[in-house]
Amino acid sequence: MVIGALIVVVAGFSYYAYQQEKKPDGVEIRVDEKGLSIEGN
């Protein structure tokens, strides 16, 4: 059971790290239903 939990944690961290690497560098500007959003990386 502990090994299964560790596998889930490692898989979750790997997915999070992949998503962070996939983001483009620089400034992201979005316009949606919430209005204007500017995010710097």
N, C-alpha and C. Protein backbone atom coordinates (compact mmCIF):
# COMPACT_ATOMS: atom_id res chain seq x y z
N MET A 1 0.82 -1.20 0.00
CA MET A 1 0.00 0.00 0.00
C MET A 1 0.87 1.26 0.00
N VAL A 2 1.95 1.23 0.77
CA VAL A 2 2.86 2.38 0.82
C VAL A 2 3.53 2.58 -0.53
N ILE A 3 3.90 1.49 -1.17
CA ILE A 3 4.55 1.58 -2.49
C ILE A 3 3.57 2.17 -3.50
N GLY A 4 2.31 1.79 -3.44
CA GLY A 4 1.30 2.35 -4.34
C GLY A 4 1.13 3.84 -4.14
N ALA A 5 1.15 4.27 -2.88
CA ALA A 5 1.03 5.71 -2.59
C ALA A 5 2.24 6.46 -3.12
N LEU A 6 3.42 5.89 -2.99
CA LEU A 6 4.63 6.53 -3.51
C LEU A 6 4.57 6.65 -5.03
N ILE A 7 4.06 5.63 -5.68
CA ILE A 7 3.94 5.68 -7.14
C ILE A 7 2.99 6.79 -7.56
N VAL A 8 1.89 6.94 -6.84
CA VAL A 8 0.93 8.01 -7.15
C VAL A 8 1.56 9.38 -6.95
N VAL A 9 2.32 9.55 -5.88
CA VAL A 9 2.98 10.84 -5.60
C VAL A 9 4.00 11.15 -6.69
N VAL A 10 4.81 10.19 -7.07
CA VAL A 10 5.81 10.40 -8.10
C VAL A 10 5.15 10.72 -9.44
N ALA A 11 4.08 10.02 -9.77
CA ALA A 11 3.38 10.29 -11.02
C ALA A 11 2.77 11.69 -11.02
N GLY A 12 2.20 12.10 -9.90
CA GLY A 12 1.63 13.43 -9.80
C GLY A 12 2.68 14.51 -9.92
N PHE A 13 3.81 14.34 -9.27
CA PHE A 13 4.90 15.31 -9.36
C PHE A 13 5.46 15.38 -10.77
N SER A 14 5.58 14.23 -11.42
CA SER A 14 6.08 14.21 -12.79
C SER A 14 5.15 14.97 -13.73
N TYR A 15 3.85 14.78 -13.55
CA TYR A 15 2.88 15.50 -14.38
C TYR A 15 2.97 17.00 -14.13
N TYR A 16 3.09 17.41 -12.86
CA TYR A 16 3.20 18.82 -12.52
C TYR A 16 4.46 19.43 -13.14
N ALA A 17 5.58 18.73 -13.05
CA ALA A 17 6.83 19.22 -13.62
C ALA A 17 6.72 19.34 -15.14
N TYR A 18 6.06 18.38 -15.77
CA TYR A 18 5.86 18.43 -17.23
C TYR A 18 5.04 19.66 -17.62
N GLN A 19 3.98 19.94 -16.88
CA GLN A 19 3.14 21.09 -17.18
C GLN A 19 3.91 22.39 -17.01
N GLN A 20 4.78 22.48 -16.02
CA GLN A 20 5.57 23.69 -15.80
C GLN A 20 6.58 23.88 -16.93
N GLU A 21 7.16 22.81 -17.43
CA GLU A 21 8.12 22.90 -18.53
C GLU A 21 7.44 23.28 -19.84
N LYS A 22 6.18 22.89 -20.00
CA LYS A 22 5.46 23.12 -21.23
C LYS A 22 5.05 24.58 -21.41
N LYS A 23 4.97 25.33 -20.32
CA LYS A 23 4.56 26.73 -20.39
C LYS A 23 5.61 27.54 -21.15
N PRO A 24 5.17 28.43 -22.01
CA PRO A 24 6.13 29.27 -22.73
C PRO A 24 6.75 30.32 -21.80
N ASP A 25 8.00 30.68 -22.06
CA ASP A 25 8.67 31.71 -21.29
C ASP A 25 8.20 33.08 -21.76
N GLY A 26 8.21 34.03 -20.84
CA GLY A 26 7.82 35.39 -21.21
C GLY A 26 6.53 35.81 -20.56
N VAL A 27 5.77 36.62 -21.29
CA VAL A 27 4.53 37.17 -20.78
C VAL A 27 3.36 36.59 -21.57
N GLU A 28 2.34 36.16 -20.84
CA GLU A 28 1.15 35.61 -21.47
C GLU A 28 -0.01 36.59 -21.24
N ILE A 29 -0.67 36.97 -22.31
CA ILE A 29 -1.81 37.89 -22.22
C ILE A 29 -3.03 37.15 -22.75
N ARG A 30 -4.07 37.09 -21.91
CA ARG A 30 -5.31 36.41 -22.29
C ARG A 30 -6.50 37.35 -22.11
N VAL A 31 -7.45 37.23 -23.02
CA VAL A 31 -8.72 37.94 -22.90
C VAL A 31 -9.82 36.89 -22.94
N ASP A 32 -10.58 36.80 -21.85
CA ASP A 32 -11.68 35.85 -21.79
C ASP A 32 -12.87 36.48 -21.09
N GLU A 33 -13.82 35.66 -20.66
CA GLU A 33 -15.03 36.18 -20.04
C GLU A 33 -14.76 36.91 -18.72
N LYS A 34 -13.60 36.66 -18.11
CA LYS A 34 -13.24 37.34 -16.86
C LYS A 34 -12.56 38.68 -17.12
N GLY A 35 -12.20 38.96 -18.34
CA GLY A 35 -11.54 40.20 -18.68
C GLY A 35 -10.13 39.96 -19.18
N LEU A 36 -9.27 40.94 -18.99
CA LEU A 36 -7.89 40.89 -19.45
C LEU A 36 -7.01 40.29 -18.36
N SER A 37 -6.16 39.34 -18.70
CA SER A 37 -5.27 38.69 -17.75
C SER A 37 -3.85 38.72 -18.31
N ILE A 38 -2.92 39.24 -17.53
CA ILE A 38 -1.50 39.29 -17.92
C ILE A 38 -0.72 38.50 -16.89
N GLU A 39 0.04 37.52 -17.37
CA GLU A 39 0.80 36.65 -16.47
C GLU A 39 2.24 36.57 -16.95
N GLY A 40 3.18 36.88 -16.06
CA GLY A 40 4.60 36.77 -16.39
C GLY A 40 5.18 35.49 -15.84
N ASN A 41 6.03 34.85 -16.64
CA ASN A 41 6.64 33.60 -16.20
C ASN A 41 8.03 33.86 -15.72
